[in-house]
Every structure is written in C-alpha cells, then in structure tokens.
C-alpha cells in the first residue's frame, strides 16, 4: 500500500484546486481580448498570449500551452520554447514580459496583463 504523507496529499489537492480554478477562469475569460496588432504576433503567438492572459496571475503550464496551440497533436516542448523566444523579442519592445517557471510553464507579468486588458 502506497500511503501518502499529509503534505503530499495537500500538494496534490492544491494542484487539483489550481486546475479547477484555471478551468473556471477560462470560462469567465472566454472573451479575452486579442493582443494589440502593433505587437506583431503571429496567430500561434496570439493564441499563447491569450492563454497566458487568461491564466494570469497563475502559471500557464507547458502542457496547457501546447494543448492551446496544438490541440490535435503533441509537439515537442522545444517548439514552444522557440515560439516563446520569438514572442519575448517582439513583446519586450512594448514592456510586456513573460516569465519562465523552469520545468513547469510560463507566467505573464502583471504589467503585461494590464496591457492586455487596456488596449483598444
């Protein structure tokens, strides 16, 4: 029998609650705005940007990011890394930062989330 410690059970439950929270936020933020055209993002980059904005302030996991852009296939994570690199180059000019949480995913900076909500 594989008995889990109380801490392990709590960590598992926290992860489950965070996922439920993200799913609910996705429902509420279904109308997340498109990134400004002046940012010059490609279609895939714009999809990732919307996913980052809807996950904010929480983490967008690598798995969720891949499923957002490639829902019917399973690409290698290096493709996501390359796209994020291109996005950062474009977005840094506009003061928008994407943080990497190594081994887990990506998070939009607070300033970037405000920029996504404000633009017209």
PDB file of N, CA and C in Angstrom:
ATOM      1  N   UNK A   1       0.837  -1.180   0.000  1.00  0.00           N
ATOM      2  CA  UNK A   1       0.000   0.000   0.000  1.00  0.00           C
ATOM      3  C   UNK A   1       0.878   1.239   0.000  1.00  0.00           C
ATOM      4  N   UNK A   2       0.562   2.173  -0.857  1.00  0.00           N
ATOM      5  CA  UNK A   2       1.355   3.383  -1.010  1.00  0.00           C
ATOM      6  C   UNK A   2       0.693   4.518  -0.241  1.00  0.00           C
ATOM      7  N   UNK A   3       1.063   4.669   1.021  1.00  0.00           N
ATOM      8  CA  UNK A   3       0.468   5.718   1.854  1.00  0.00           C
ATOM      9  C   UNK A   3       1.173   7.029   1.581  1.00  0.00           C
ATOM     10  N   UNK A   4       0.385   8.070   1.358  1.00  0.00           N
ATOM     11  CA  UNK A   4       0.946   9.391   1.119  1.00  0.00           C
ATOM     12  C   UNK A   4       0.973  10.172   2.426  1.00  0.00           C
ATOM     13  N   UNK A   5       1.965  11.001   2.534  1.00  0.00           N
ATOM     14  CA  UNK A   5       2.057  11.856   3.715  1.00  0.00           C
ATOM     15  C   UNK A   5       0.989  12.938   3.614  1.00  0.00           C
ATOM     16  N   UNK A   6       0.628  13.544   4.740  1.00  0.00           N
ATOM     17  CA  UNK A   6      -0.348  14.647   4.687  1.00  0.00           C
ATOM     18  C   UNK A   6       0.106  15.780   3.779  1.00  0.00           C
ATOM     19  N   UNK A   7       1.392  16.042   3.753  1.00  0.00           N
ATOM     20  CA  UNK A   7       1.906  17.119   2.892  1.00  0.00           C
ATOM     21  C   UNK A   7       1.727  16.745   1.422  1.00  0.00           C
ATOM     22  N   UNK A   8       2.025  15.497   1.070  1.00  0.00           N
ATOM     23  CA  UNK A   8       1.862  15.058  -0.319  1.00  0.00           C
ATOM     24  C   UNK A   8       0.398  15.146  -0.743  1.00  0.00           C
ATOM     25  N   UNK A   9      -0.513  14.709   0.150  1.00  0.00           N
ATOM     26  CA  UNK A   9      -1.945  14.803  -0.169  1.00  0.00           C
ATOM     27  C   UNK A   9      -2.367  16.255  -0.340  1.00  0.00           C
ATOM     28  N   UNK A  10      -1.856  17.116   0.529  1.00  0.00           N
ATOM     29  CA  UNK A  10      -2.198  18.545   0.436  1.00  0.00           C
ATOM     30  C   UNK A  10      -1.682  19.140  -0.871  1.00  0.00           C
ATOM     31  N   UNK A  11      -0.477  18.779  -1.283  1.00  0.00           N
ATOM     32  CA  UNK A  11       0.077  19.297  -2.540  1.00  0.00           C
ATOM     33  C   UNK A  11      -0.726  18.822  -3.744  1.00  0.00           C
ATOM     34  N   UNK A  12      -1.155  17.579  -3.691  1.00  0.00           N
ATOM     35  CA  UNK A  12      -1.991  17.047  -4.778  1.00  0.00           C
ATOM     36  C   UNK A  12      -3.310  17.808  -4.830  1.00  0.00           C
ATOM     37  N   UNK A  13      -3.914  18.024  -3.669  1.00  0.00           N
ATOM     38  CA  UNK A  13      -5.200  18.750  -3.617  1.00  0.00           C
ATOM     39  C   UNK A  13      -5.036  20.182  -4.091  1.00  0.00           C
ATOM     40  N   UNK A  14      -3.937  20.821  -3.737  1.00  0.00           N
ATOM     41  CA  UNK A  14      -3.678  22.199  -4.197  1.00  0.00           C
ATOM     42  C   UNK A  14      -3.589  22.219  -5.715  1.00  0.00           C
ATOM     43  N   UNK A  15      -2.880  21.261  -6.289  1.00  0.00           N
ATOM     44  CA  UNK A  15      -2.756  21.192  -7.749  1.00  0.00           C
ATOM     45  C   UNK A  15      -4.125  20.989  -8.396  1.00  0.00           C
ATOM     46  N   UNK A  16      -4.961  20.134  -7.797  1.00  0.00           N
ATOM     47  CA  UNK A  16      -6.317  19.915  -8.334  1.00  0.00           C
ATOM     48  C   UNK A  16      -7.140  21.198  -8.269  1.00  0.00           C
ATOM     49  N   UNK A  17      -7.059  21.907  -7.152  1.00  0.00           N
ATOM     50  CA  UNK A  17      -7.823  23.151  -6.996  1.00  0.00           C
ATOM     51  C   UNK A  17      -7.333  24.234  -7.950  1.00  0.00           C
ATOM     52  N   UNK A  18      -6.022  24.298  -8.159  1.00  0.00           N
ATOM     53  CA  UNK A  18      -5.488  25.275  -9.114  1.00  0.00           C
ATOM     54  C   UNK A  18      -6.002  24.986 -10.516  1.00  0.00           C
ATOM     55  N   UNK A  19      -6.077  23.716 -10.892  1.00  0.00           N
ATOM     56  CA  UNK A  19      -6.584  23.358 -12.211  1.00  0.00           C
ATOM     57  C   UNK A  19      -8.064  23.693 -12.336  1.00  0.00           C
ATOM     58  N   UNK A  20      -8.854  23.401 -11.298  1.00  0.00           N
ATOM     59  CA  UNK A  20     -10.272  23.770 -11.315  1.00  0.00           C
ATOM     60  C   UNK A  20     -10.431  25.276 -11.443  1.00  0.00           C
ATOM     61  N   UNK A  21      -9.618  26.012 -10.703  1.00  0.00           N
ATOM     62  CA  UNK A  21      -9.651  27.469 -10.757  1.00  0.00           C
ATOM     63  C   UNK A  21      -9.336  27.962 -12.165  1.00  0.00           C
ATOM     64  N   UNK A  22      -8.310  27.364 -12.799  1.00  0.00           N
ATOM     65  CA  UNK A  22      -7.942  27.764 -14.156  1.00  0.00           C
ATOM     66  C   UNK A  22      -9.084  27.490 -15.130  1.00  0.00           C
ATOM     67  N   UNK A  23      -9.720  26.331 -14.981  1.00  0.00           N
ATOM     68  CA  UNK A  23     -10.819  25.993 -15.875  1.00  0.00           C
ATOM     69  C   UNK A  23     -11.981  26.968 -15.709  1.00  0.00           C
ATOM     70  N   UNK A  24     -12.296  27.317 -14.479  1.00  0.00           N
ATOM     71  CA  UNK A  24     -13.364  28.296 -14.236  1.00  0.00           C
ATOM     72  C   UNK A  24     -12.994  29.657 -14.803  1.00  0.00           C
ATOM     73  N   UNK A  25     -11.743  30.039 -14.631  1.00  0.00           N
ATOM     74  CA  UNK A  25     -11.292  31.326 -15.169  1.00  0.00           C
ATOM     75  C   UNK A  25     -11.387  31.324 -16.683  1.00  0.00           C
ATOM     76  N   UNK A  26     -11.057  30.175 -17.315  1.00  0.00           N
ATOM     77  CA  UNK A  26     -11.184  30.068 -18.768  1.00  0.00           C
ATOM     78  C   UNK A  26     -12.622  30.317 -19.207  1.00  0.00           C
ATOM     79  N   UNK A  27     -13.573  29.799 -18.447  1.00  0.00           N
ATOM     80  CA  UNK A  27     -14.982  30.024 -18.775  1.00  0.00           C
ATOM     81  C   UNK A  27     -15.354  31.494 -18.628  1.00  0.00           C
ATOM     82  N   UNK A  28     -14.859  32.111 -17.572  1.00  0.00           N
ATOM     83  CA  UNK A  28     -15.192  33.514 -17.316  1.00  0.00           C
ATOM     84  C   UNK A  28     -14.486  34.464 -18.264  1.00  0.00           C
ATOM     85  N   UNK A  29     -13.293  34.087 -18.707  1.00  0.00           N
ATOM     86  CA  UNK A  29     -12.493  34.970 -19.538  1.00  0.00           C
ATOM     87  C   UNK A  29     -12.509  34.492 -20.985  1.00  0.00           C
ATOM     88  N   UNK A  30     -13.558  33.808 -21.365  1.00  0.00           N
ATOM     89  CA  UNK A  30     -13.642  33.281 -22.726  1.00  0.00           C
ATOM     90  C   UNK A  30     -13.484  34.385 -23.752  1.00  0.00           C
ATOM     91  N   UNK A  31     -13.883  35.593 -23.403  1.00  0.00           N
ATOM     92  CA  UNK A  31     -13.779  36.724 -24.317  1.00  0.00           C
ATOM     93  C   UNK A  31     -12.498  37.498 -24.166  1.00  0.00           C
ATOM     94  N   UNK A  32     -11.411  36.838 -23.743  1.00  0.00           N
ATOM     95  CA  UNK A  32     -10.140  37.535 -23.603  1.00  0.00           C
ATOM     96  C   UNK A  32      -9.806  38.232 -24.908  1.00  0.00           C
ATOM     97  N   UNK A  33      -9.427  39.465 -24.773  1.00  0.00           N
ATOM     98  CA  UNK A  33      -9.142  40.269 -25.956  1.00  0.00           C
ATOM     99  C   UNK A  33      -7.941  39.760 -26.734  1.00  0.00           C
ATOM    100  N   UNK A  34      -7.965  40.072 -27.993  1.00  0.00           N
ATOM    101  CA  UNK A  34      -6.817  39.780 -28.839  1.00  0.00           C
ATOM    102  C   UNK A  34      -5.699  40.731 -28.458  1.00  0.00           C
ATOM    103  N   UNK A  35      -4.460  40.290 -28.556  1.00  0.00           N
ATOM    104  CA  UNK A  35      -3.349  41.209 -28.314  1.00  0.00           C
ATOM    105  C   UNK A  35      -3.361  42.327 -29.356  1.00  0.00           C
ATOM    106  N   UNK A  36      -2.842  43.502 -29.011  1.00  0.00           N
ATOM    107  CA  UNK A  36      -2.826  44.607 -29.979  1.00  0.00           C
ATOM    108  C   UNK A  36      -2.082  44.223 -31.258  1.00  0.00           C
ATOM    109  N   UNK A  37      -2.582  44.666 -32.381  1.00  0.00           N
ATOM    110  CA  UNK A  37      -1.943  44.363 -33.665  1.00  0.00           C
ATOM    111  C   UNK A  37      -0.523  44.917 -33.714  1.00  0.00           C
ATOM    112  N   UNK A  38      -0.294  46.037 -33.026  1.00  0.00           N
ATOM    113  CA  UNK A  38       1.038  46.663 -33.061  1.00  0.00           C
ATOM    114  C   UNK A  38       2.108  45.770 -32.434  1.00  0.00           C
ATOM    115  N   UNK A  39       1.701  44.760 -31.662  1.00  0.00           N
ATOM    116  CA  UNK A  39       2.669  43.833 -31.091  1.00  0.00           C
ATOM    117  C   UNK A  39       3.232  42.895 -32.153  1.00  0.00           C
ATOM    118  N   UNK A  40       2.543  42.754 -33.283  1.00  0.00           N
ATOM    119  CA  UNK A  40       3.045  41.960 -34.402  1.00  0.00           C
ATOM    120  C   UNK A  40       3.144  40.463 -34.150  1.00  0.00           C
ATOM    121  N   UNK A  41       2.217  39.924 -33.385  1.00  0.00           N
ATOM    122  CA  UNK A  41       2.255  38.494 -33.069  1.00  0.00           C
ATOM    123  C   UNK A  41       1.631  37.671 -34.189  1.00  0.00           C
ATOM    124  N   UNK A  42       2.174  36.479 -34.384  1.00  0.00           N
ATOM    125  CA  UNK A  42       1.574  35.546 -35.324  1.00  0.00           C
ATOM    126  C   UNK A  42       0.312  34.962 -34.686  1.00  0.00           C
ATOM    127  N   UNK A  43      -0.430  34.165 -35.454  1.00  0.00           N
ATOM    128  CA  UNK A  43      -1.650  33.552 -34.923  1.00  0.00           C
ATOM    129  C   UNK A  43      -1.348  32.683 -33.700  1.00  0.00           C
ATOM    130  N   UNK A  44      -0.339  31.844 -33.793  1.00  0.00           N
ATOM    131  CA  UNK A  44       0.017  30.975 -32.665  1.00  0.00           C
ATOM    132  C   UNK A  44       0.487  31.787 -31.463  1.00  0.00           C
ATOM    133  N   UNK A  45       1.277  32.809 -31.717  1.00  0.00           N
ATOM    134  CA  UNK A  45       1.746  33.661 -30.621  1.00  0.00           C
ATOM    135  C   UNK A  45       0.571  34.362 -29.947  1.00  0.00           C
ATOM    136  N   UNK A  46      -0.389  34.826 -30.747  1.00  0.00           N
ATOM    137  CA  UNK A  46      -1.570  35.486 -30.186  1.00  0.00           C
ATOM    138  C   UNK A  46      -2.391  34.505 -29.340  1.00  0.00           C
ATOM    139  N   UNK A  47      -2.512  33.261 -29.800  1.00  0.00           N
ATOM    140  CA  UNK A  47      -3.229  32.242 -29.019  1.00  0.00           C
ATOM    141  C   UNK A  47      -2.534  32.009 -27.687  1.00  0.00           C
ATOM    142  N   UNK A  48      -1.214  31.922 -27.708  1.00  0.00           N
ATOM    143  CA  UNK A  48      -0.459  31.752 -26.464  1.00  0.00           C
ATOM    144  C   UNK A  48      -0.608  32.966 -25.554  1.00  0.00           C
ATOM    145  N   UNK A  49      -0.611  34.142 -26.143  1.00  0.00           N
ATOM    146  CA  UNK A  49      -0.751  35.367 -25.343  1.00  0.00           C
ATOM    147  C   UNK A  49      -2.110  35.390 -24.650  1.00  0.00           C
ATOM    148  N   UNK A  50      -3.157  34.995 -25.358  1.00  0.00           N
ATOM    149  CA  UNK A  50      -4.491  34.945 -24.740  1.00  0.00           C
ATOM    150  C   UNK A  50      -4.534  33.897 -23.634  1.00  0.00           C
ATOM    151  N   UNK A  51      -3.883  32.767 -23.859  1.00  0.00           N
ATOM    152  CA  UNK A  51      -3.838  31.725 -22.829  1.00  0.00           C
ATOM    153  C   UNK A  51      -3.077  32.213 -21.597  1.00  0.00           C
ATOM    154  N   UNK A  52      -1.991  32.926 -21.816  1.00  0.00           N
ATOM    155  CA  UNK A  52      -1.232  33.495 -20.705  1.00  0.00           C
ATOM    156  C   UNK A  52      -2.078  34.504 -19.934  1.00  0.00           C
ATOM    157  N   UNK A  53      -2.813  35.346 -20.679  1.00  0.00           N
ATOM    158  CA  UNK A  53      -3.653  36.369 -20.044  1.00  0.00           C
ATOM    159  C   UNK A  53      -4.786  35.733 -19.249  1.00  0.00           C
ATOM    160  N   UNK A  54      -5.370  34.661 -19.773  1.00  0.00           N
ATOM    161  CA  UNK A  54      -6.474  34.035 -19.055  1.00  0.00           C
ATOM    162  C   UNK A  54      -5.980  33.270 -17.830  1.00  0.00           C
ATOM    163  N   UNK A  55      -4.726  32.818 -17.848  1.00  0.00           N
ATOM    164  CA  UNK A  55      -4.167  32.110 -16.701  1.00  0.00           C
ATOM    165  C   UNK A  55      -3.672  33.073 -15.622  1.00  0.00           C
ATOM    166  N   UNK A  56      -3.409  34.307 -15.998  1.00  0.00           N
ATOM    167  CA  UNK A  56      -2.832  35.284 -15.061  1.00  0.00           C
ATOM    168  C   UNK A  56      -3.726  35.470 -13.844  1.00  0.00           C
ATOM    169  N   UNK A  57      -3.195  35.505 -12.644  1.00  0.00           N
ATOM    170  CA  UNK A  57      -1.786  35.568 -12.241  1.00  0.00           C
ATOM    171  C   UNK A  57      -1.142  34.202 -12.042  1.00  0.00           C
ATOM    172  N   UNK A  58      -1.842  33.156 -12.380  1.00  0.00           N
ATOM    173  CA  UNK A  58      -1.300  31.809 -12.196  1.00  0.00           C
ATOM    174  C   UNK A  58      -0.420  31.422 -13.379  1.00  0.00           C
ATOM    175  N   UNK A  59       0.145  30.280 -13.243  1.00  0.00           N
ATOM    176  CA  UNK A  59       1.053  29.726 -14.225  1.00  0.00           C
ATOM    177  C   UNK A  59       0.282  29.077 -15.373  1.00  0.00           C
ATOM    178  N   UNK A  60       0.766  29.272 -16.588  1.00  0.00           N
ATOM    179  CA  UNK A  60       0.272  28.513 -17.738  1.00  0.00           C
ATOM    180  C   UNK A  60       1.258  27.364 -17.904  1.00  0.00           C
ATOM    181  N   UNK A  61       0.807  26.152 -17.606  1.00  0.00           N
ATOM    182  CA  UNK A  61       1.723  25.014 -17.686  1.00  0.00           C
ATOM    183  C   UNK A  61       2.139  24.773 -19.131  1.00  0.00           C
ATOM    184  N   UNK A  62       3.274  24.146 -19.265  1.00  0.00           N
ATOM    185  CA  UNK A  62       3.771  23.810 -20.596  1.00  0.00           C
ATOM    186  C   UNK A  62       2.763  22.932 -21.324  1.00  0.00           C
ATOM    187  N   UNK A  63       2.182  21.973 -20.615  1.00  0.00           N
ATOM    188  CA  UNK A  63       1.206  21.063 -21.224  1.00  0.00           C
ATOM    189  C   UNK A  63      -0.013  21.835 -21.731  1.00  0.00           C
ATOM    190  N   UNK A  64      -0.501  22.769 -20.919  1.00  0.00           N
ATOM    191  CA  UNK A  64      -1.675  23.561 -21.309  1.00  0.00           C
ATOM    192  C   UNK A  64      -1.341  24.475 -22.482  1.00  0.00           C
ATOM    193  N   UNK A  65      -0.153  25.056 -22.479  1.00  0.00           N
ATOM    194  CA  UNK A  65       0.266  25.916 -23.588  1.00  0.00           C
ATOM    195  C   UNK A  65       0.319  25.125 -24.889  1.00  0.00           C
ATOM    196  N   UNK A  66       0.870  23.920 -24.828  1.00  0.00           N
ATOM    197  CA  UNK A  66       0.942  23.085 -26.027  1.00  0.00           C
ATOM    198  C   UNK A  66      -0.455  22.694 -26.500  1.00  0.00           C
ATOM    199  N   UNK A  67      -1.335  22.349 -25.570  1.00  0.00           N
ATOM    200  CA  UNK A  67      -2.700  21.966 -25.929  1.00  0.00           C
ATOM    201  C   UNK A  67      -3.481  23.143 -26.509  1.00  0.00           C
ATOM    202  N   UNK A  68      -3.142  24.349 -26.100  1.00  0.00           N
ATOM    203  CA  UNK A  68      -3.826  25.543 -26.610  1.00  0.00           C
ATOM    204  C   UNK A  68      -3.510  25.772 -28.078  1.00  0.00           C
ATOM    205  N   UNK A  69      -2.245  25.623 -28.432  1.00  0.00           N
ATOM    206  CA  UNK A  69      -1.809  25.930 -29.795  1.00  0.00           C
ATOM    207  C   UNK A  69      -1.912  24.726 -30.720  1.00  0.00           C
ATOM    208  N   UNK A  70      -1.691  23.548 -30.188  1.00  0.00           N
ATOM    209  CA  UNK A  70      -1.753  22.324 -30.991  1.00  0.00           C
ATOM    210  C   UNK A  70      -2.713  21.345 -30.327  1.00  0.00           C
ATOM    211  N   UNK A  71      -4.023  21.591 -30.382  1.00  0.00           N
ATOM    212  CA  UNK A  71      -4.970  20.737 -29.659  1.00  0.00           C
ATOM    213  C   UNK A  71      -5.061  19.309 -30.187  1.00  0.00           C
ATOM    214  N   UNK A  72      -4.706  19.081 -31.431  1.00  0.00           N
ATOM    215  CA  UNK A  72      -4.885  17.758 -32.020  1.00  0.00           C
ATOM    216  C   UNK A  72      -3.589  16.961 -32.156  1.00  0.00           C
ATOM    217  N   UNK A  73      -2.471  17.568 -31.775  1.00  0.00           N
ATOM    218  CA  UNK A  73      -1.186  16.872 -31.884  1.00  0.00           C
ATOM    219  C   UNK A  73      -0.409  17.081 -30.591  1.00  0.00           C
ATOM    220  N   UNK A  74       0.696  16.386 -30.495  1.00  0.00           N
ATOM    221  CA  UNK A  74       1.549  16.534 -29.321  1.00  0.00           C
ATOM    222  C   UNK A  74       2.947  16.935 -29.811  1.00  0.00           C
ATOM    223  N   UNK A  75       3.195  18.235 -29.940  1.00  0.00           N
ATOM    224  CA  UNK A  75       4.514  18.677 -30.402  1.00  0.00           C
ATOM    225  C   UNK A  75       5.535  18.588 -29.274  1.00  0.00           C
ATOM    226  N   UNK A  76       6.778  18.661 -29.630  1.00  0.00           N
ATOM    227  CA  UNK A  76       7.830  18.649 -28.616  1.00  0.00           C
ATOM    228  C   UNK A  76       7.891  20.030 -27.950  1.00  0.00           C
ATOM    229  N   UNK A  77       8.285  20.040 -26.698  1.00  0.00           N
ATOM    230  CA  UNK A  77       8.295  21.301 -25.948  1.00  0.00           C
ATOM    231  C   UNK A  77       9.295  22.299 -26.507  1.00  0.00           C
ATOM    232  N   UNK A  78      10.291  21.841 -27.255  1.00  0.00           N
ATOM    233  CA  UNK A  78      11.270  22.785 -27.808  1.00  0.00           C
ATOM    234  C   UNK A  78      10.613  23.745 -28.800  1.00  0.00           C
ATOM    235  N   UNK A  79       9.553  23.309 -29.458  1.00  0.00           N
ATOM    236  CA  UNK A  79       8.833  24.200 -30.369  1.00  0.00           C
ATOM    237  C   UNK A  79       8.217  25.351 -29.572  1.00  0.00           C
ATOM    238  N   UNK A  80       7.628  25.027 -28.436  1.00  0.00           N
ATOM    239  CA  UNK A  80       7.047  26.051 -27.570  1.00  0.00           C
ATOM    240  C   UNK A  80       8.127  27.008 -27.083  1.00  0.00           C
ATOM    241  N   UNK A  81       9.278  26.481 -26.739  1.00  0.00           N
ATOM    242  CA  UNK A  81      10.392  27.311 -26.276  1.00  0.00           C
ATOM    243  C   UNK A  81      10.810  28.308 -27.352  1.00  0.00           C
ATOM    244  N   UNK A  82      10.872  27.859 -28.587  1.00  0.00           N
ATOM    245  CA  UNK A  82      11.255  28.736 -29.705  1.00  0.00           C
ATOM    246  C   UNK A  82      10.196  29.824 -29.907  1.00  0.00           C
ATOM    247  N   UNK A  83       8.922  29.448 -29.877  1.00  0.00           N
ATOM    248  CA  UNK A  83       7.857  30.433 -30.057  1.00  0.00           C
ATOM    249  C   UNK A  83       7.893  31.462 -28.933  1.00  0.00           C
ATOM    250  N   UNK A  84       8.106  31.022 -27.704  1.00  0.00           N
ATOM    251  CA  UNK A  84       8.187  31.958 -26.577  1.00  0.00           C
ATOM    252  C   UNK A  84       9.361  32.914 -26.754  1.00  0.00           C
ATOM    253  N   UNK A  85      10.468  32.423 -27.263  1.00  0.00           N
ATOM    254  CA  UNK A  85      11.636  33.267 -27.509  1.00  0.00           C
ATOM    255  C   UNK A  85      11.303  34.363 -28.522  1.00  0.00           C
ATOM    256  N   UNK A  86      10.625  33.992 -29.603  1.00  0.00           N
ATOM    257  CA  UNK A  86      10.218  34.970 -30.626  1.00  0.00           C
ATOM    258  C   UNK A  86       9.236  35.986 -30.032  1.00  0.00           C
ATOM    259  N   UNK A  87       8.296  35.485 -29.234  1.00  0.00           N
ATOM    260  CA  UNK A  87       7.316  36.385 -28.602  1.00  0.00           C
ATOM    261  C   UNK A  87       8.003  37.392 -27.697  1.00  0.00           C
ATOM    262  N   UNK A  88       8.945  36.921 -26.907  1.00  0.00           N
ATOM    263  CA  UNK A  88       9.642  37.818 -25.971  1.00  0.00           C
ATOM    264  C   UNK A  88      10.348  38.941 -26.722  1.00  0.00           C
ATOM    265  N   UNK A  89      10.985  38.615 -27.837  1.00  0.00           N
ATOM    266  CA  UNK A  89      11.672  39.645 -28.623  1.00  0.00           C
ATOM    267  C   UNK A  89      10.689  40.710 -29.091  1.00  0.00           C
ATOM    268  N   UNK A  90       9.520  40.278 -29.532  1.00  0.00           N
ATOM    269  CA  UNK A  90       8.506  41.220 -30.007  1.00  0.00           C
ATOM    270  C   UNK A  90       7.900  42.023 -28.859  1.00  0.00           C
ATOM    271  N   UNK A  91       7.635  41.348 -27.747  1.00  0.00           N
ATOM    272  CA  UNK A  91       6.907  41.973 -26.645  1.00  0.00           C
ATOM    273  C   UNK A  91       7.777  42.858 -25.759  1.00  0.00           C
ATOM    274  N   UNK A  92       9.075  42.581 -25.680  1.00  0.00           N
ATOM    275  CA  UNK A  92       9.954  43.406 -24.852  1.00  0.00           C
ATOM    276  C   UNK A  92       9.938  44.860 -25.294  1.00  0.00           C
ATOM    277  N   UNK A  93       9.775  45.091 -26.585  1.00  0.00           N
ATOM    278  CA  UNK A  93       9.707  46.477 -27.098  1.00  0.00           C
ATOM    279  C   UNK A  93       8.506  47.227 -26.557  1.00  0.00           C
ATOM    280  N   UNK A  94       7.494  46.485 -26.097  1.00  0.00           N
ATOM    281  CA  UNK A  94       6.255  47.089 -25.598  1.00  0.00           C
ATOM    282  C   UNK A  94       6.137  46.969 -24.078  1.00  0.00           C
ATOM    283  N   UNK A  95       7.241  46.579 -23.435  1.00  0.00           N
ATOM    284  CA  UNK A  95       7.248  46.476 -21.982  1.00  0.00           C
ATOM    285  C   UNK A  95       6.472  45.289 -21.433  1.00  0.00           C
ATOM    286  N   UNK A  96       6.251  44.285 -22.266  1.00  0.00           N
ATOM    287  CA  UNK A  96       5.500  43.097 -21.859  1.00  0.00           C
ATOM    288  C   UNK A  96       6.493  41.971 -21.605  1.00  0.00           C
ATOM    289  N   UNK A  97       6.407  41.386 -20.419  1.00  0.00           N
ATOM    290  CA  UNK A  97       7.337  40.322 -20.059  1.00  0.00           C
ATOM    291  C   UNK A  97       6.606  39.005 -19.797  1.00  0.00           C
ATOM    292  N   UNK A  98       7.229  37.936 -20.244  1.00  0.00           N
ATOM    293  CA  UNK A  98       6.745  36.588 -19.958  1.00  0.00           C
ATOM    294  C   UNK A  98       7.811  35.921 -19.105  1.00  0.00           C
ATOM    295  N   UNK A  99       7.409  35.479 -17.940  1.00  0.00           N
ATOM    296  CA  UNK A  99       8.339  34.825 -17.021  1.00  0.00           C
ATOM    297  C   UNK A  99       8.309  33.317 -17.254  1.00  0.00           C
ATOM    298  N   UNK A 100       9.467  32.685 -17.185  1.00  0.00           N
ATOM    299  CA  UNK A 100       9.556  31.233 -17.273  1.00  0.00           C
ATOM    300  C   UNK A 100       9.671  30.667 -15.870  1.00  0.00           C
ATOM    301  N   UNK A 101       8.846  29.693 -15.568  1.00  0.00           N
ATOM    302  CA  UNK A 101       8.971  28.936 -14.332  1.00  0.00           C
ATOM    303  C   UNK A 101       9.569  27.607 -14.783  1.00  0.00           C
ATOM    304  N   UNK A 102      10.868  27.467 -14.582  1.00  0.00           N
ATOM    305  CA  UNK A 102      11.622  26.371 -15.157  1.00  0.00           C
ATOM    306  C   UNK A 102      10.996  25.021 -14.823  1.00  0.00           C
ATOM    307  N   UNK A 103      10.795  24.236 -15.878  1.00  0.00           N
ATOM    308  CA  UNK A 103      10.268  22.887 -15.716  1.00  0.00           C
ATOM    309  C   UNK A 103       8.756  22.813 -15.526  1.00  0.00           C
ATOM    310  N   UNK A 104       8.089  23.980 -15.463  1.00  0.00           N
ATOM    311  CA  UNK A 104       6.649  23.967 -15.196  1.00  0.00           C
ATOM    312  C   UNK A 104       5.846  24.705 -16.255  1.00  0.00           C
ATOM    313  N   UNK A 105       6.277  25.907 -16.655  1.00  0.00           N
ATOM    314  CA  UNK A 105       5.499  26.665 -17.617  1.00  0.00           C
ATOM    315  C   UNK A 105       5.884  28.127 -17.664  1.00  0.00           C
ATOM    316  N   UNK A 106       4.883  28.966 -17.924  1.00  0.00           N
ATOM    317  CA  UNK A 106       5.105  30.391 -18.151  1.00  0.00           C
ATOM    318  C   UNK A 106       4.063  31.206 -17.398  1.00  0.00           C
ATOM    319  N   UNK A 107       4.449  32.439 -17.087  1.00  0.00           N
ATOM    320  CA  UNK A 107       3.542  33.345 -16.385  1.00  0.00           C
ATOM    321  C   UNK A 107       3.704  34.734 -16.996  1.00  0.00           C
ATOM    322  N   UNK A 108       2.583  35.384 -17.197  1.00  0.00           N
ATOM    323  CA  UNK A 108       2.571  36.746 -17.716  1.00  0.00           C
ATOM    324  C   UNK A 108       2.848  37.700 -16.561  1.00  0.00           C
ATOM    325  N   UNK A 109       3.688  38.694 -16.806  1.00  0.00           N
ATOM    326  CA  UNK A 109       3.957  39.680 -15.766  1.00  0.00           C
ATOM    327  C   UNK A 109       2.690  40.506 -15.518  1.00  0.00           C
ATOM    328  N   UNK A 110       2.599  41.122 -14.347  1.00  0.00           N
ATOM    329  CA  UNK A 110       1.433  41.945 -14.017  1.00  0.00           C
ATOM    330  C   UNK A 110       1.253  43.078 -15.030  1.00  0.00           C
ATOM    331  N   UNK A 111       2.352  43.714 -15.421  1.00  0.00           N
ATOM    332  CA  UNK A 111       2.283  44.822 -16.380  1.00  0.00           C
ATOM    333  C   UNK A 111       1.729  44.345 -17.726  1.00  0.00           C
ATOM    334  N   UNK A 112       2.107  43.143 -18.122  1.00  0.00           N
ATOM    335  CA  UNK A 112       1.619  42.604 -19.392  1.00  0.00           C
ATOM    336  C   UNK A 112       0.130  42.313 -19.322  1.00  0.00           C
ATOM    337  N   UNK A 113      -0.327  41.794 -18.193  1.00  0.00           N
ATOM    338  CA  UNK A 113      -1.758  41.511 -18.039  1.00  0.00           C
ATOM    339  C   UNK A 113      -2.570  42.802 -18.103  1.00  0.00           C
ATOM    340  N   UNK A 114      -2.065  43.852 -17.500  1.00  0.00           N
ATOM    341  CA  UNK A 114      -2.744  45.160 -17.559  1.00  0.00           C
ATOM    342  C   UNK A 114      -2.768  45.658 -19.004  1.00  0.00           C
ATOM    343  N   UNK A 115      -1.665  45.496 -19.712  1.00  0.00           N
ATOM    344  CA  UNK A 115      -1.601  45.935 -21.114  1.00  0.00           C
ATOM    345  C   UNK A 115      -2.603  45.188 -21.971  1.00  0.00           C
ATOM    346  N   UNK A 116      -2.804  43.894 -21.715  1.00  0.00           N
ATOM    347  CA  UNK A 116      -3.787  43.111 -22.481  1.00  0.00           C
ATOM    348  C   UNK A 116      -5.203  43.611 -22.226  1.00  0.00           C
ATOM    349  N   UNK A 117      -5.492  44.013 -20.998  1.00  0.00           N
ATOM    350  CA  UNK A 117      -6.845  44.455 -20.645  1.00  0.00           C
ATOM    351  C   UNK A 117      -7.137  45.863 -21.133  1.00  0.00           C
ATOM    352  N   UNK A 118      -6.106  46.710 -21.220  1.00  0.00           N
ATOM    353  CA  UNK A 118      -6.301  48.126 -21.527  1.00  0.00           C
ATOM    354  C   UNK A 118      -6.411  48.430 -23.014  1.00  0.00           C
ATOM    355  N   UNK A 119      -5.730  47.695 -23.854  1.00  0.00           N
ATOM    356  CA  UNK A 119      -5.613  48.117 -25.255  1.00  0.00           C
ATOM    357  C   UNK A 119      -6.975  48.150 -25.949  1.00  0.00           C
ATOM    358  N   UNK A 120      -7.057  49.001 -26.891  1.00  0.00           N
ATOM    359  CA  UNK A 120      -8.268  49.121 -27.733  1.00  0.00           C
ATOM    360  C   UNK A 120      -7.882  49.104 -29.197  1.00  0.00           C
TER     361      UNK A 120
END
